[in-house]
N, C-alpha and C. Protein backbone atom coordinates (compact mmCIF):
# COMPACT_ATOMS: atom_id res chain seq x y z
N MET A 1 116.77 138.78 170.59
CA MET A 1 116.12 139.19 171.82
C MET A 1 118.15 139.72 172.40
N ALA A 2 117.55 140.96 173.50
CA ALA A 2 118.97 141.59 173.26
C ALA A 2 120.25 140.69 174.21
N ASP A 3 121.63 140.80 173.79
CA ASP A 3 122.11 140.04 174.57
C ASP A 3 123.48 140.82 175.57
N ARG A 4 122.77 142.28 176.17
CA ARG A 4 123.18 142.76 176.93
C ARG A 4 122.27 143.37 177.76
N VAL A 5 122.10 144.46 179.30
CA VAL A 5 121.45 145.43 179.43
C VAL A 5 121.96 146.43 179.75
N ALA A 6 121.28 147.09 180.37
CA ALA A 6 122.26 148.58 180.60
C ALA A 6 121.58 148.53 181.49
N VAL A 7 122.46 149.69 182.90
CA VAL A 7 121.92 149.78 183.95
C VAL A 7 122.57 151.14 184.83
N GLU A 8 122.19 151.60 185.46
CA GLU A 8 122.71 152.82 186.26
C GLU A 8 122.90 151.80 187.49
N VAL A 9 124.63 152.68 188.06
CA VAL A 9 125.18 152.34 189.29
C VAL A 9 124.73 153.51 190.12
N VAL A 10 124.43 153.78 191.30
CA VAL A 10 124.56 154.71 192.14
C VAL A 10 124.85 154.75 193.71
N CYS A 11 125.49 156.16 193.68
CA CYS A 11 125.97 155.90 195.22
C CYS A 11 126.02 157.38 195.75
N ALA A 12 125.73 158.25 196.76
CA ALA A 12 125.69 158.98 197.99
C ALA A 12 126.86 159.22 199.01
N THR A 13 127.27 159.98 199.07
CA THR A 13 128.02 160.83 199.88
C THR A 13 127.23 161.59 200.77
N PRO A 14 127.82 161.94 201.74
CA PRO A 14 127.51 163.21 202.43
C PRO A 14 128.09 164.74 201.59
N GLU A 15 129.09 164.08 200.64
CA GLU A 15 129.80 165.41 199.47
C GLU A 15 129.25 165.25 198.25
N ARG A 16 129.03 164.44 197.91
CA ARG A 16 128.60 164.14 196.42
C ARG A 16 127.52 162.74 195.94
N GLN A 17 127.39 162.86 194.72
CA GLN A 17 126.96 162.31 194.50
C GLN A 17 126.96 161.55 193.30
N VAL A 18 127.32 160.01 192.85
CA VAL A 18 128.14 159.41 191.62
C VAL A 18 127.30 158.50 191.09
N LEU A 19 126.55 158.56 189.91
CA LEU A 19 126.08 157.71 188.79
C LEU A 19 126.40 157.61 187.71
N ARG A 20 126.75 155.90 187.22
CA ARG A 20 127.46 155.57 186.17
C ARG A 20 126.52 155.01 185.51
N ARG A 21 126.33 154.61 184.20
CA ARG A 21 125.89 153.73 183.56
C ARG A 21 126.41 152.57 182.78
N VAL A 22 125.86 151.55 182.53
CA VAL A 22 127.67 150.82 182.01
C VAL A 22 126.58 149.67 181.05
N SER A 23 126.81 148.96 180.54
CA SER A 23 125.98 148.04 179.94
C SER A 23 127.41 146.68 179.66
N LEU A 24 125.85 145.51 180.27
CA LEU A 24 126.59 144.40 180.73
C LEU A 24 126.23 143.27 179.93
N PRO A 25 127.03 142.23 180.37
CA PRO A 25 126.18 141.66 179.60
C PRO A 25 124.89 140.18 179.98
N VAL A 26 123.48 139.62 179.35
CA VAL A 26 122.39 139.56 180.46
C VAL A 26 122.77 138.71 181.20
N GLY A 27 121.99 138.37 182.29
CA GLY A 27 122.87 137.75 183.09
C GLY A 27 124.49 137.70 184.42
N SER A 28 123.98 139.25 184.66
CA SER A 28 124.62 139.71 185.41
C SER A 28 123.99 140.48 186.77
N THR A 29 125.15 140.15 187.27
CA THR A 29 124.52 140.45 189.06
C THR A 29 125.07 141.93 189.52
N ALA A 30 124.38 142.37 190.32
CA ALA A 30 124.25 144.05 191.03
C ALA A 30 125.69 143.84 191.51
N ILE A 31 126.51 142.91 192.61
CA ILE A 31 127.89 143.34 192.37
C ILE A 31 129.16 143.10 191.13
N GLN A 32 128.93 142.51 189.78
CA GLN A 32 129.43 142.77 189.11
C GLN A 32 129.51 144.20 188.31
N ALA A 33 127.71 144.85 188.70
CA ALA A 33 127.69 146.10 187.91
C ALA A 33 128.02 147.35 188.63
N VAL A 34 128.28 146.96 190.09
CA VAL A 34 129.13 148.01 191.39
C VAL A 34 130.41 147.80 190.60
N GLU A 35 131.50 146.47 190.22
CA GLU A 35 132.39 146.44 189.76
C GLU A 35 133.33 147.08 189.28
N GLN A 36 132.02 146.95 187.88
CA GLN A 36 132.29 147.52 186.18
C GLN A 36 131.82 148.73 186.71
N SER A 37 131.12 149.88 187.05
CA SER A 37 131.04 151.03 187.37
C SER A 37 132.26 151.77 187.58
N GLY A 38 133.32 151.52 188.61
CA GLY A 38 134.36 151.83 188.81
C GLY A 38 133.63 152.49 190.04
N ILE A 39 133.03 153.00 190.62
CA ILE A 39 132.84 154.00 191.63
C ILE A 39 133.26 153.90 192.57
N LEU A 40 133.90 152.17 192.92
CA LEU A 40 134.35 152.06 194.11
C LEU A 40 135.70 152.44 194.14
N GLN A 41 136.11 152.71 193.50
CA GLN A 41 137.98 153.05 192.94
C GLN A 41 137.93 155.11 192.89
N GLU A 42 136.20 155.10 192.49
CA GLU A 42 136.10 156.83 192.53
C GLU A 42 136.17 157.25 193.68
N LEU A 43 135.43 156.51 194.88
CA LEU A 43 135.05 156.56 196.26
C LEU A 43 136.12 155.86 196.94
N PRO A 44 136.83 156.05 197.19
CA PRO A 44 137.89 155.01 198.14
C PRO A 44 137.38 154.77 199.79
N GLU A 45 137.33 156.13 199.89
CA GLU A 45 136.94 156.23 201.26
C GLU A 45 135.60 155.41 201.27
N LEU A 46 134.91 154.98 200.78
CA LEU A 46 133.84 154.31 200.67
C LEU A 46 133.90 153.17 201.52
N ALA A 47 132.91 152.80 202.60
CA ALA A 47 133.08 152.06 203.35
C ALA A 47 132.10 150.85 202.72
N PHE A 48 132.01 149.57 201.19
CA PHE A 48 131.80 149.16 200.79
C PHE A 48 131.13 147.61 201.47
N ASP A 49 130.18 147.56 201.81
CA ASP A 49 129.70 146.16 201.72
C ASP A 49 128.47 145.85 200.64
N PRO A 50 128.87 144.31 200.96
CA PRO A 50 128.46 143.86 199.26
C PRO A 50 126.74 143.77 200.17
N SER A 51 126.26 143.40 201.17
CA SER A 51 125.06 142.86 201.72
C SER A 51 124.35 144.33 201.47
N LEU A 52 124.99 145.84 201.31
CA LEU A 52 124.15 146.67 201.19
C LEU A 52 123.68 147.30 199.72
N LEU A 53 122.89 146.91 199.53
CA LEU A 53 123.02 146.99 198.06
C LEU A 53 121.55 147.04 197.56
N GLY A 54 121.22 147.61 196.99
CA GLY A 54 119.44 147.54 196.38
C GLY A 54 118.94 147.74 194.66
N VAL A 55 117.98 147.88 194.26
CA VAL A 55 117.61 148.07 193.11
C VAL A 55 116.11 148.98 193.27
N PHE A 56 116.56 150.38 192.82
CA PHE A 56 115.19 150.90 192.87
C PHE A 56 115.09 150.92 194.29
N SER A 57 115.23 151.11 195.50
CA SER A 57 115.29 150.99 196.82
C SER A 57 114.89 150.37 197.36
N ARG A 58 114.36 148.73 196.77
CA ARG A 58 114.31 147.46 197.36
C ARG A 58 115.67 146.93 197.76
N ARG A 59 116.67 146.63 198.66
CA ARG A 59 117.48 145.84 199.46
C ARG A 59 117.33 144.95 198.09
N VAL A 60 118.53 144.62 198.15
CA VAL A 60 119.03 142.81 197.16
C VAL A 60 119.94 142.36 197.58
N ALA A 61 120.35 141.30 196.90
CA ALA A 61 121.91 139.98 197.13
C ALA A 61 122.26 140.94 196.57
N ALA A 62 123.44 141.18 196.75
CA ALA A 62 124.57 140.76 195.51
C ALA A 62 124.63 140.32 194.58
N ASP A 63 124.23 139.12 194.43
CA ASP A 63 124.23 138.10 192.85
C ASP A 63 122.61 138.39 192.69
N GLU A 64 121.54 139.47 192.70
CA GLU A 64 120.89 139.67 192.38
C GLU A 64 121.10 139.76 190.50
N LEU A 65 119.88 139.21 189.49
CA LEU A 65 120.32 139.62 188.83
C LEU A 65 119.27 140.22 187.52
N LEU A 66 120.42 141.24 187.39
CA LEU A 66 119.18 142.63 186.62
C LEU A 66 119.34 142.18 185.24
N LYS A 67 117.95 143.84 185.44
CA LYS A 67 117.01 143.48 184.17
C LYS A 67 117.63 144.48 183.50
N ASP A 68 117.42 145.08 181.76
CA ASP A 68 117.88 146.12 181.15
C ASP A 68 116.95 147.53 181.97
N GLY A 69 117.77 148.82 182.28
CA GLY A 69 116.81 149.27 183.09
C GLY A 69 117.20 149.71 184.54
N ASP A 70 117.89 148.77 185.26
CA ASP A 70 117.32 148.62 186.44
C ASP A 70 118.45 150.08 186.99
N ARG A 71 118.63 150.34 188.35
CA ARG A 71 119.62 151.22 188.93
C ARG A 71 119.87 150.72 189.49
N VAL A 72 120.76 149.82 190.13
CA VAL A 72 121.56 149.72 191.49
C VAL A 72 122.18 151.06 192.47
N GLU A 73 121.52 150.42 193.25
CA GLU A 73 122.04 151.51 194.55
C GLU A 73 123.21 150.97 195.72
N ILE A 74 124.21 151.52 195.92
CA ILE A 74 125.30 151.33 196.90
C ILE A 74 124.81 152.02 197.78
N TYR A 75 124.38 151.64 199.36
CA TYR A 75 123.44 152.10 200.60
C TYR A 75 125.40 152.24 201.09
N ARG A 76 125.01 153.77 202.30
CA ARG A 76 126.03 153.51 203.25
C ARG A 76 125.46 152.91 203.99
N PRO A 77 126.25 151.96 205.50
CA PRO A 77 126.27 152.22 207.00
C PRO A 77 125.32 153.42 207.95
N LEU A 78 124.40 153.76 208.16
CA LEU A 78 123.71 154.38 208.66
C LEU A 78 124.97 154.92 210.31
N THR A 79 124.84 156.79 210.48
CA THR A 79 125.84 156.81 211.51
C THR A 79 125.56 156.80 212.93
N ILE A 80 123.84 156.55 212.59
CA ILE A 80 123.29 157.04 214.11
C ILE A 80 121.92 155.85 213.31
N ASP A 81 121.28 155.49 214.90
CA ASP A 81 120.13 155.02 215.25
C ASP A 81 119.22 156.20 214.22
N PRO A 82 118.14 155.91 213.82
CA PRO A 82 117.03 156.38 213.55
C PRO A 82 116.45 156.35 214.58
N LYS A 83 116.26 155.00 215.88
CA LYS A 83 115.46 156.10 216.48
C LYS A 83 115.93 156.60 217.43
N ASP A 84 117.27 156.76 217.85
CA ASP A 84 118.51 157.47 218.96
C ASP A 84 118.26 159.12 218.24
N ALA A 85 118.24 158.94 216.77
CA ALA A 85 118.59 160.92 216.67
C ALA A 85 116.76 161.12 217.17
N ARG A 86 115.54 160.64 216.58
CA ARG A 86 114.43 160.87 216.95
C ARG A 86 114.10 160.79 218.70
N ARG A 87 114.65 160.71 219.27
CA ARG A 87 114.99 160.88 220.93
C ARG A 87 115.01 162.06 221.07
N ARG A 88 116.71 162.34 220.36
CA ARG A 88 117.85 163.14 220.49
C ARG A 88 116.49 164.68 220.39
N ARG A 89 116.08 164.26 218.69
CA ARG A 89 115.27 165.95 218.56
C ARG A 89 114.21 166.09 219.11
N ALA A 90 113.47 164.90 220.41
CA ALA A 90 112.06 165.32 220.92
C ALA A 90 112.49 166.01 221.48
N LYS A 91 114.12 165.91 222.13
CA LYS A 91 114.05 166.66 223.99
C LYS A 91 114.93 168.10 223.93
């Protein structure tokens, strides 16, 4: 049985996308993967909220245990409510 899991951590800003592959001990969490990836240091302008994490487009808690091959996604807060944006386009 493997004692490590390999995961990807991804984040996208309007200007660029960042993807990092990290290897972590089995039993590691989503927040540990984010911290290990170094993305937060690379994107200091990112308003990081640990409650805005996902694995393959499914929202997860920061303490979600990861499996080998998971992709941890760091989400950004919405800049405009999607309903408001749709109303503005309809006008």
